[in-house]
Amino acid sequence: MRGIKKTTKPVIDDNNYLSSIREKIRVIYNDVSNLPRQLDLIGKSTDELNVYAEKIEDVGLSHSYIFEKIETELKNIFASVQVLSESSDMSVSFVERFSEATENITKYYGNAIDNLSVIPERINRTGSDIVKLQESFAKIKTITDEILRISKKTEETSRNAGIKAFHAGDQGKG
């Protein structure tokens, strides 16, 4: 039997193999157990975006403040998505919820932009109203100045009339 070589099967170290499997199960478990927390973060970020969208409508916050807040929340959402995408076992419901959250963000971002486009019109209208008020105040000032001038003239005339009456009375006595 000189021409036949004896081959040996590699020996599998059961302990290392089981440890490797346990480690993979632990990693998968950790990834799956993080899903609710990441989903919660996405939900919270979406809720905060909703609040900012409402503030845009109600208060008219500045453009940069709004975009900073939206950018921060989008970064938070995308950071959560990145952690989730590294997990190899995403569920279908998560993908559906993420898609819904993305649609909501897009909708609210669009609403924010629409609401911001109204602000310049309101500023122009307010500026126009201020100009009208200034014109009205100028007219009122003109009228007030005229009344003051007439009042001073009336006072001067009555004082002169009083003095003339006094002198006339003195001349009549004498």
N, C-alpha and C. Protein backbone atom coordinates (compact mmCIF):
# COMPACT_ATOMS: atom_id res chain seq x y z
N MET A 1 0.81 -1.17 0.00
CA MET A 1 0.00 0.00 0.00
C MET A 1 0.86 1.24 0.00
N ARG A 2 1.77 1.24 -0.78
CA ARG A 2 2.65 2.38 -0.84
C ARG A 2 2.04 3.55 -1.58
N GLY A 3 1.27 3.42 -2.58
CA GLY A 3 0.76 4.51 -3.40
C GLY A 3 -0.43 5.23 -2.79
N ILE A 4 -1.07 4.69 -1.81
CA ILE A 4 -2.25 5.32 -1.21
C ILE A 4 -1.82 6.09 0.02
N LYS A 5 -2.20 7.35 0.00
CA LYS A 5 -1.90 8.19 1.16
C LYS A 5 -3.08 8.17 2.10
N LYS A 6 -2.79 8.18 3.32
CA LYS A 6 -3.82 8.18 4.34
C LYS A 6 -4.20 9.64 4.62
N THR A 7 -5.48 9.95 4.51
CA THR A 7 -5.94 11.31 4.81
C THR A 7 -6.65 11.30 6.15
N THR A 8 -6.46 12.38 6.82
CA THR A 8 -7.14 12.50 8.12
C THR A 8 -8.11 13.67 8.06
N LYS A 9 -9.23 13.48 8.69
CA LYS A 9 -10.23 14.56 8.75
C LYS A 9 -9.77 15.55 9.80
N PRO A 10 -10.03 16.85 9.54
CA PRO A 10 -9.65 17.83 10.56
C PRO A 10 -10.50 17.60 11.81
N VAL A 11 -9.87 17.79 12.90
CA VAL A 11 -10.55 17.62 14.18
C VAL A 11 -11.24 18.94 14.53
N ILE A 12 -12.53 18.87 14.80
CA ILE A 12 -13.28 20.07 15.19
C ILE A 12 -13.25 20.16 16.69
N ASP A 13 -12.79 21.29 17.12
CA ASP A 13 -12.75 21.54 18.56
C ASP A 13 -14.16 21.97 18.99
N ASP A 14 -14.87 21.05 19.63
CA ASP A 14 -16.27 21.29 20.00
C ASP A 14 -16.42 22.53 20.87
N ASN A 15 -15.53 22.75 21.78
CA ASN A 15 -15.64 23.91 22.68
C ASN A 15 -15.53 25.22 21.91
N ASN A 16 -14.54 25.30 21.00
CA ASN A 16 -14.39 26.52 20.20
C ASN A 16 -15.58 26.73 19.28
N TYR A 17 -16.03 25.64 18.68
CA TYR A 17 -17.17 25.71 17.77
C TYR A 17 -18.41 26.19 18.51
N LEU A 18 -18.69 25.61 19.68
CA LEU A 18 -19.84 26.01 20.48
C LEU A 18 -19.69 27.45 20.97
N SER A 19 -18.50 27.84 21.36
CA SER A 19 -18.26 29.22 21.79
C SER A 19 -18.54 30.19 20.65
N SER A 20 -18.11 29.81 19.46
CA SER A 20 -18.33 30.65 18.29
C SER A 20 -19.83 30.80 18.02
N ILE A 21 -20.55 29.70 18.10
CA ILE A 21 -22.00 29.74 17.89
C ILE A 21 -22.66 30.59 18.97
N ARG A 22 -22.26 30.40 20.23
CA ARG A 22 -22.82 31.19 21.33
C ARG A 22 -22.56 32.69 21.11
N GLU A 23 -21.36 33.01 20.67
CA GLU A 23 -21.01 34.41 20.43
C GLU A 23 -21.89 35.00 19.33
N LYS A 24 -22.10 34.23 18.26
CA LYS A 24 -22.96 34.71 17.17
C LYS A 24 -24.40 34.88 17.64
N ILE A 25 -24.88 33.96 18.46
CA ILE A 25 -26.23 34.07 19.01
C ILE A 25 -26.32 35.30 19.92
N ARG A 26 -25.28 35.55 20.72
CA ARG A 26 -25.27 36.71 21.60
C ARG A 26 -25.31 38.01 20.79
N VAL A 27 -24.54 38.07 19.71
CA VAL A 27 -24.52 39.26 18.86
C VAL A 27 -25.90 39.48 18.24
N ILE A 28 -26.50 38.41 17.71
CA ILE A 28 -27.83 38.52 17.12
C ILE A 28 -28.84 38.95 18.18
N TYR A 29 -28.75 38.35 19.36
CA TYR A 29 -29.66 38.71 20.45
C TYR A 29 -29.51 40.19 20.81
N ASN A 30 -28.28 40.66 20.90
CA ASN A 30 -28.05 42.08 21.23
C ASN A 30 -28.63 42.98 20.15
N ASP A 31 -28.41 42.59 18.88
CA ASP A 31 -28.95 43.40 17.79
C ASP A 31 -30.47 43.43 17.85
N VAL A 32 -31.08 42.30 18.05
CA VAL A 32 -32.54 42.22 18.11
C VAL A 32 -33.07 42.94 19.35
N SER A 33 -32.38 42.81 20.46
CA SER A 33 -32.86 43.48 21.68
C SER A 33 -32.71 44.99 21.58
N ASN A 34 -31.86 45.48 20.70
CA ASN A 34 -31.72 46.93 20.50
C ASN A 34 -32.79 47.50 19.58
N LEU A 35 -33.48 46.64 18.85
CA LEU A 35 -34.50 47.12 17.91
C LEU A 35 -35.57 47.97 18.59
N PRO A 36 -36.17 47.55 19.70
CA PRO A 36 -37.20 48.40 20.31
C PRO A 36 -36.66 49.76 20.73
N ARG A 37 -35.45 49.81 21.25
CA ARG A 37 -34.87 51.09 21.67
C ARG A 37 -34.66 51.99 20.46
N GLN A 38 -34.16 51.41 19.38
CA GLN A 38 -33.93 52.20 18.17
C GLN A 38 -35.26 52.68 17.58
N LEU A 39 -36.26 51.79 17.59
CA LEU A 39 -37.59 52.18 17.11
C LEU A 39 -38.16 53.29 17.98
N ASP A 40 -37.95 53.20 19.26
CA ASP A 40 -38.41 54.23 20.19
C ASP A 40 -37.72 55.57 19.88
N LEU A 41 -36.41 55.51 19.59
CA LEU A 41 -35.69 56.75 19.24
C LEU A 41 -36.26 57.37 17.97
N ILE A 42 -36.58 56.53 16.99
CA ILE A 42 -37.16 57.03 15.75
C ILE A 42 -38.53 57.64 16.04
N GLY A 43 -39.32 56.95 16.87
CA GLY A 43 -40.63 57.48 17.24
C GLY A 43 -40.52 58.82 17.94
N LYS A 44 -39.58 58.92 18.88
CA LYS A 44 -39.40 60.18 19.61
C LYS A 44 -38.95 61.29 18.67
N SER A 45 -38.04 60.96 17.76
CA SER A 45 -37.57 61.97 16.81
C SER A 45 -38.71 62.43 15.92
N THR A 46 -39.54 61.49 15.49
CA THR A 46 -40.70 61.85 14.67
C THR A 46 -41.66 62.73 15.46
N ASP A 47 -41.89 62.39 16.73
CA ASP A 47 -42.75 63.21 17.58
C ASP A 47 -42.19 64.62 17.71
N GLU A 48 -40.88 64.73 17.91
CA GLU A 48 -40.27 66.05 18.04
C GLU A 48 -40.40 66.84 16.74
N LEU A 49 -40.27 66.16 15.61
CA LEU A 49 -40.46 66.84 14.33
C LEU A 49 -41.90 67.35 14.21
N ASN A 50 -42.85 66.56 14.67
CA ASN A 50 -44.25 66.99 14.66
C ASN A 50 -44.42 68.25 15.50
N VAL A 51 -43.79 68.29 16.65
CA VAL A 51 -43.88 69.46 17.53
C VAL A 51 -43.29 70.68 16.83
N TYR A 52 -42.13 70.51 16.18
CA TYR A 52 -41.51 71.63 15.49
C TYR A 52 -42.37 72.10 14.32
N ALA A 53 -43.00 71.16 13.64
CA ALA A 53 -43.88 71.54 12.53
C ALA A 53 -45.05 72.36 13.05
N GLU A 54 -45.61 71.98 14.19
CA GLU A 54 -46.70 72.75 14.78
C GLU A 54 -46.22 74.13 15.23
N LYS A 55 -45.01 74.20 15.77
CA LYS A 55 -44.47 75.50 16.20
C LYS A 55 -44.29 76.41 15.00
N ILE A 56 -43.92 75.83 13.87
CA ILE A 56 -43.74 76.64 12.66
C ILE A 56 -45.06 77.31 12.31
N GLU A 57 -46.14 76.54 12.37
CA GLU A 57 -47.44 77.08 12.02
C GLU A 57 -47.90 78.11 13.05
N ASP A 58 -47.71 77.83 14.33
CA ASP A 58 -48.25 78.68 15.40
C ASP A 58 -47.38 79.88 15.70
N VAL A 59 -46.09 79.74 15.72
CA VAL A 59 -45.22 80.78 16.23
C VAL A 59 -44.43 81.46 15.13
N GLY A 60 -44.15 80.78 14.06
CA GLY A 60 -43.34 81.35 13.00
C GLY A 60 -41.89 81.47 13.41
N LEU A 61 -41.27 80.36 13.81
CA LEU A 61 -39.88 80.38 14.26
C LEU A 61 -38.95 80.78 13.11
N SER A 62 -37.76 81.17 13.43
CA SER A 62 -36.81 81.59 12.40
C SER A 62 -36.40 80.41 11.54
N HIS A 63 -36.04 80.72 10.29
CA HIS A 63 -35.65 79.67 9.34
C HIS A 63 -34.50 78.83 9.87
N SER A 64 -33.46 79.48 10.32
CA SER A 64 -32.27 78.72 10.73
C SER A 64 -32.56 77.85 11.93
N TYR A 65 -33.34 78.33 12.88
CA TYR A 65 -33.68 77.53 14.07
C TYR A 65 -34.46 76.27 13.65
N ILE A 66 -35.41 76.47 12.76
CA ILE A 66 -36.22 75.35 12.31
C ILE A 66 -35.36 74.33 11.58
N PHE A 67 -34.52 74.80 10.66
CA PHE A 67 -33.70 73.87 9.90
C PHE A 67 -32.68 73.18 10.79
N GLU A 68 -32.15 73.87 11.80
CA GLU A 68 -31.23 73.22 12.73
C GLU A 68 -31.93 72.11 13.49
N LYS A 69 -33.13 72.39 13.96
CA LYS A 69 -33.89 71.37 14.71
C LYS A 69 -34.23 70.19 13.80
N ILE A 70 -34.68 70.48 12.60
CA ILE A 70 -35.02 69.40 11.68
C ILE A 70 -33.77 68.60 11.35
N GLU A 71 -32.67 69.31 11.09
CA GLU A 71 -31.42 68.61 10.78
C GLU A 71 -30.97 67.74 11.94
N THR A 72 -31.07 68.25 13.16
CA THR A 72 -30.70 67.47 14.34
C THR A 72 -31.55 66.22 14.46
N GLU A 73 -32.85 66.41 14.29
CA GLU A 73 -33.75 65.25 14.40
C GLU A 73 -33.51 64.26 13.27
N LEU A 74 -33.25 64.76 12.07
CA LEU A 74 -32.95 63.86 10.97
C LEU A 74 -31.64 63.11 11.22
N LYS A 75 -30.65 63.80 11.78
CA LYS A 75 -29.40 63.12 12.12
C LYS A 75 -29.64 62.04 13.17
N ASN A 76 -30.49 62.36 14.16
CA ASN A 76 -30.83 61.35 15.18
C ASN A 76 -31.50 60.14 14.54
N ILE A 77 -32.43 60.41 13.65
CA ILE A 77 -33.13 59.31 12.99
C ILE A 77 -32.16 58.50 12.14
N PHE A 78 -31.33 59.18 11.36
CA PHE A 78 -30.41 58.46 10.49
C PHE A 78 -29.35 57.71 11.29
N ALA A 79 -28.96 58.24 12.45
CA ALA A 79 -28.02 57.51 13.31
C ALA A 79 -28.67 56.23 13.81
N SER A 80 -29.93 56.32 14.19
CA SER A 80 -30.65 55.13 14.64
C SER A 80 -30.80 54.13 13.50
N VAL A 81 -31.08 54.64 12.32
CA VAL A 81 -31.23 53.76 11.16
C VAL A 81 -29.91 53.06 10.86
N GLN A 82 -28.81 53.78 10.98
CA GLN A 82 -27.50 53.18 10.71
C GLN A 82 -27.23 52.03 11.67
N VAL A 83 -27.55 52.22 12.95
CA VAL A 83 -27.35 51.14 13.93
C VAL A 83 -28.23 49.95 13.57
N LEU A 84 -29.46 50.24 13.17
CA LEU A 84 -30.38 49.15 12.82
C LEU A 84 -29.95 48.44 11.55
N SER A 85 -29.42 49.18 10.58
CA SER A 85 -29.02 48.55 9.33
C SER A 85 -27.84 47.62 9.51
N GLU A 86 -27.02 47.85 10.55
CA GLU A 86 -25.91 46.96 10.83
C GLU A 86 -26.40 45.63 11.39
N SER A 87 -27.58 45.62 11.90
CA SER A 87 -28.16 44.37 12.39
C SER A 87 -28.63 43.56 11.19
N SER A 88 -28.30 42.29 11.16
CA SER A 88 -28.60 41.47 9.98
C SER A 88 -30.02 40.94 9.95
N ASP A 89 -30.75 41.07 11.04
CA ASP A 89 -32.06 40.45 11.11
C ASP A 89 -33.14 41.49 11.39
N MET A 90 -33.47 42.33 10.35
CA MET A 90 -34.52 43.33 10.54
C MET A 90 -35.86 42.70 10.20
N SER A 91 -36.87 43.09 10.95
CA SER A 91 -38.20 42.53 10.70
C SER A 91 -38.95 43.38 9.68
N VAL A 92 -39.96 42.79 9.08
CA VAL A 92 -40.76 43.48 8.08
C VAL A 92 -41.52 44.64 8.72
N SER A 93 -41.99 44.45 9.93
CA SER A 93 -42.74 45.54 10.58
C SER A 93 -41.86 46.75 10.83
N PHE A 94 -40.58 46.50 11.15
CA PHE A 94 -39.66 47.63 11.34
C PHE A 94 -39.50 48.40 10.04
N VAL A 95 -39.34 47.70 8.93
CA VAL A 95 -39.16 48.36 7.64
C VAL A 95 -40.40 49.19 7.31
N GLU A 96 -41.59 48.63 7.61
CA GLU A 96 -42.82 49.37 7.34
C GLU A 96 -42.91 50.62 8.22
N ARG A 97 -42.56 50.49 9.50
CA ARG A 97 -42.60 51.64 10.41
C ARG A 97 -41.57 52.70 10.01
N PHE A 98 -40.40 52.26 9.60
CA PHE A 98 -39.37 53.21 9.16
C PHE A 98 -39.84 53.95 7.92
N SER A 99 -40.44 53.22 6.99
CA SER A 99 -40.95 53.84 5.78
C SER A 99 -42.02 54.88 6.11
N GLU A 100 -42.90 54.53 7.04
CA GLU A 100 -43.94 55.47 7.48
C GLU A 100 -43.33 56.70 8.14
N ALA A 101 -42.32 56.48 8.99
CA ALA A 101 -41.65 57.61 9.66
C ALA A 101 -40.98 58.52 8.63
N THR A 102 -40.36 57.92 7.62
CA THR A 102 -39.70 58.71 6.57
C THR A 102 -40.73 59.52 5.79
N GLU A 103 -41.87 58.90 5.49
CA GLU A 103 -42.92 59.64 4.79
C GLU A 103 -43.43 60.80 5.64
N ASN A 104 -43.60 60.55 6.94
CA ASN A 104 -44.05 61.62 7.85
C ASN A 104 -43.03 62.75 7.91
N ILE A 105 -41.76 62.38 7.98
CA ILE A 105 -40.70 63.41 8.02
C ILE A 105 -40.74 64.23 6.74
N THR A 106 -40.87 63.56 5.62
CA THR A 106 -40.92 64.26 4.34
C THR A 106 -42.14 65.18 4.29
N LYS A 107 -43.28 64.67 4.78
CA LYS A 107 -44.50 65.47 4.79
C LYS A 107 -44.33 66.69 5.68
N TYR A 108 -43.82 66.48 6.89
CA TYR A 108 -43.66 67.60 7.81
C TYR A 108 -42.58 68.57 7.34
N TYR A 109 -41.54 68.05 6.73
CA TYR A 109 -40.50 68.92 6.18
C TYR A 109 -41.09 69.77 5.06
N GLY A 110 -41.91 69.12 4.22
CA GLY A 110 -42.59 69.86 3.15
C GLY A 110 -43.53 70.91 3.72
N ASN A 111 -44.28 70.54 4.78
CA ASN A 111 -45.17 71.50 5.43
C ASN A 111 -44.37 72.66 6.02
N ALA A 112 -43.22 72.34 6.60
CA ALA A 112 -42.38 73.38 7.20
C ALA A 112 -41.95 74.38 6.12
N ILE A 113 -41.54 73.85 4.98
CA ILE A 113 -41.11 74.73 3.88
C ILE A 113 -42.29 75.55 3.38
N ASP A 114 -43.47 74.90 3.25
CA ASP A 114 -44.66 75.65 2.83
C ASP A 114 -44.98 76.76 3.81
N ASN A 115 -44.91 76.45 5.10
CA ASN A 115 -45.20 77.46 6.13
C ASN A 115 -44.16 78.57 6.12
N LEU A 116 -42.92 78.23 5.83
CA LEU A 116 -41.88 79.26 5.79
C LEU A 116 -42.08 80.20 4.60
N SER A 117 -42.67 79.70 3.53
CA SER A 117 -42.89 80.55 2.36
C SER A 117 -43.94 81.63 2.64
N VAL A 118 -44.79 81.43 3.64
CA VAL A 118 -45.82 82.41 4.00
C VAL A 118 -45.23 83.56 4.80
N ILE A 119 -44.13 83.31 5.50
CA ILE A 119 -43.54 84.31 6.39
C ILE A 119 -43.18 85.60 5.66
N PRO A 120 -42.49 85.57 4.50
CA PRO A 120 -42.16 86.84 3.83
C PRO A 120 -43.42 87.65 3.47
N GLU A 121 -44.48 86.96 3.07
CA GLU A 121 -45.73 87.67 2.74
C GLU A 121 -46.28 88.37 3.98
N ARG A 122 -46.24 87.68 5.12
CA ARG A 122 -46.74 88.28 6.36
C ARG A 122 -45.85 89.44 6.79
N ILE A 123 -44.55 89.31 6.59
CA ILE A 123 -43.63 90.40 6.93
C ILE A 123 -43.92 91.62 6.06
N ASN A 124 -44.12 91.40 4.76
CA ASN A 124 -44.44 92.51 3.85
C ASN A 124 -45.75 93.18 4.24
N ARG A 125 -46.75 92.37 4.59
CA ARG A 125 -48.04 92.92 4.99
C ARG A 125 -47.89 93.74 6.27
N THR A 126 -47.12 93.22 7.23
CA THR A 126 -46.89 93.94 8.48
C THR A 126 -46.15 95.24 8.21
N GLY A 127 -45.15 95.20 7.33
CA GLY A 127 -44.42 96.41 6.97
C GLY A 127 -45.33 97.44 6.34
N SER A 128 -46.23 96.99 5.48
CA SER A 128 -47.19 97.89 4.85
C SER A 128 -48.12 98.51 5.89
N ASP A 129 -48.57 97.70 6.85
CA ASP A 129 -49.43 98.21 7.93
C ASP A 129 -48.68 99.24 8.78
N ILE A 130 -47.41 99.00 9.03
CA ILE A 130 -46.60 99.94 9.82
C ILE A 130 -46.48 101.28 9.09
N VAL A 131 -46.27 101.22 7.78
CA VAL A 131 -46.17 102.45 6.98
C VAL A 131 -47.48 103.23 7.07
N LYS A 132 -48.62 102.52 6.97
CA LYS A 132 -49.92 103.19 7.08
C LYS A 132 -50.10 103.82 8.45
N LEU A 133 -49.67 103.10 9.50
CA LEU A 133 -49.76 103.66 10.85
C LEU A 133 -48.90 104.92 10.97
N GLN A 134 -47.70 104.88 10.40
CA GLN A 134 -46.82 106.05 10.46
C GLN A 134 -47.47 107.24 9.76
N GLU A 135 -48.11 106.97 8.63
CA GLU A 135 -48.80 108.05 7.91
C GLU A 135 -49.95 108.61 8.76
N SER A 136 -50.70 107.71 9.41
CA SER A 136 -51.80 108.16 10.27
C SER A 136 -51.27 108.98 11.44
N PHE A 137 -50.19 108.52 12.06
CA PHE A 137 -49.60 109.26 13.17
C PHE A 137 -49.12 110.64 12.70
N ALA A 138 -48.58 110.72 11.50
CA ALA A 138 -48.13 112.01 10.97
C ALA A 138 -49.32 112.96 10.79
N LYS A 139 -50.45 112.43 10.30
CA LYS A 139 -51.65 113.26 10.13
C LYS A 139 -52.18 113.71 11.49
N ILE A 140 -52.20 112.78 12.45
CA ILE A 140 -52.66 113.14 13.81
C ILE A 140 -51.76 114.20 14.40
N LYS A 141 -50.45 114.10 14.20
CA LYS A 141 -49.50 115.10 14.71
C LYS A 141 -49.78 116.45 14.08
N THR A 142 -50.05 116.46 12.78
CA THR A 142 -50.35 117.72 12.09
C THR A 142 -51.61 118.35 12.68
N ILE A 143 -52.63 117.54 12.90
CA ILE A 143 -53.88 118.05 13.48
C ILE A 143 -53.64 118.55 14.89
N THR A 144 -52.88 117.79 15.69
CA THR A 144 -52.58 118.19 17.07
C THR A 144 -51.78 119.50 17.09
N ASP A 145 -50.82 119.64 16.19
CA ASP A 145 -50.04 120.88 16.11
C ASP A 145 -50.94 122.06 15.75
N GLU A 146 -51.89 121.84 14.85
CA GLU A 146 -52.80 122.91 14.45
C GLU A 146 -53.71 123.30 15.62
N ILE A 147 -54.22 122.31 16.36
CA ILE A 147 -55.06 122.59 17.53
C ILE A 147 -54.25 123.38 18.57
N LEU A 148 -53.01 122.99 18.79
CA LEU A 148 -52.14 123.69 19.74
C LEU A 148 -51.91 125.13 19.28
N ARG A 149 -51.67 125.34 18.00
CA ARG A 149 -51.47 126.68 17.46
C ARG A 149 -52.72 127.54 17.66
N ILE A 150 -53.90 126.95 17.35
CA ILE A 150 -55.17 127.68 17.52
C ILE A 150 -55.39 127.99 19.00
N SER A 151 -55.08 127.02 19.86
CA SER A 151 -55.25 127.21 21.31
C SER A 151 -54.37 128.36 21.80
N LYS A 152 -53.12 128.40 21.37
CA LYS A 152 -52.22 129.48 21.78
C LYS A 152 -52.72 130.82 21.25
N LYS A 153 -53.18 130.84 20.02
CA LYS A 153 -53.69 132.07 19.42
C LYS A 153 -54.93 132.54 20.18
N THR A 154 -55.82 131.58 20.55
CA THR A 154 -57.03 131.92 21.30
C THR A 154 -56.66 132.47 22.67
N GLU A 155 -55.69 131.85 23.31
CA GLU A 155 -55.24 132.32 24.63
C GLU A 155 -54.68 133.74 24.52
N GLU A 156 -53.88 133.97 23.49
CA GLU A 156 -53.28 135.29 23.29
C GLU A 156 -54.38 136.34 23.02
N THR A 157 -55.35 135.98 22.20
CA THR A 157 -56.44 136.89 21.86
C THR A 157 -57.27 137.20 23.10
N SER A 158 -57.59 136.15 23.92
CA SER A 158 -58.39 136.43 25.12
C SER A 158 -57.60 137.25 26.11
N ARG A 159 -56.31 137.05 26.22
CA ARG A 159 -55.50 137.85 27.13
C ARG A 159 -55.52 139.31 26.67
N ASN A 160 -55.34 139.51 25.37
CA ASN A 160 -55.38 140.88 24.83
C ASN A 160 -56.75 141.52 25.05
N ALA A 161 -57.81 140.73 24.87
CA ALA A 161 -59.17 141.26 25.08
C ALA A 161 -59.36 141.62 26.55
N GLY A 162 -58.84 140.82 27.45
CA GLY A 162 -58.93 141.10 28.88
C GLY A 162 -58.19 142.38 29.23
N ILE A 163 -57.01 142.53 28.64
CA ILE A 163 -56.21 143.73 28.91
C ILE A 163 -56.95 144.96 28.37
N LYS A 164 -57.51 144.87 27.16
CA LYS A 164 -58.26 145.99 26.58
C LYS A 164 -59.47 146.32 27.43
N ALA A 165 -60.15 145.29 27.93
CA ALA A 165 -61.33 145.53 28.77
C ALA A 165 -60.91 146.21 30.07
N PHE A 166 -59.78 145.78 30.62
CA PHE A 166 -59.27 146.39 31.85
C PHE A 166 -58.97 147.86 31.62
N HIS A 167 -58.26 148.16 30.52
CA HIS A 167 -57.93 149.56 30.21
C HIS A 167 -59.18 150.38 29.91
N ALA A 168 -60.12 149.76 29.23
CA ALA A 168 -61.37 150.48 28.93
C ALA A 168 -62.10 150.79 30.22
N GLY A 169 -62.08 149.87 31.14
CA GLY A 169 -62.73 150.09 32.44
C GLY A 169 -62.02 151.19 33.21
N ASP A 170 -60.70 151.23 33.16
CA ASP A 170 -59.94 152.26 33.84
C ASP A 170 -60.23 153.63 33.23
N GLN A 171 -60.34 153.69 31.94
CA GLN A 171 -60.58 154.96 31.27
C GLN A 171 -62.01 155.45 31.54
N GLY A 172 -62.92 154.52 31.68
CA GLY A 172 -64.31 154.89 31.94
C GLY A 172 -64.50 155.41 33.35
N LYS A 173 -63.67 155.03 34.31
CA LYS A 173 -63.80 155.44 35.69
C LYS A 173 -63.24 156.86 35.88
N GLY A 174 -62.28 157.18 35.12
CA GLY A 174 -61.51 158.37 35.38
C GLY A 174 -62.05 159.62 34.90
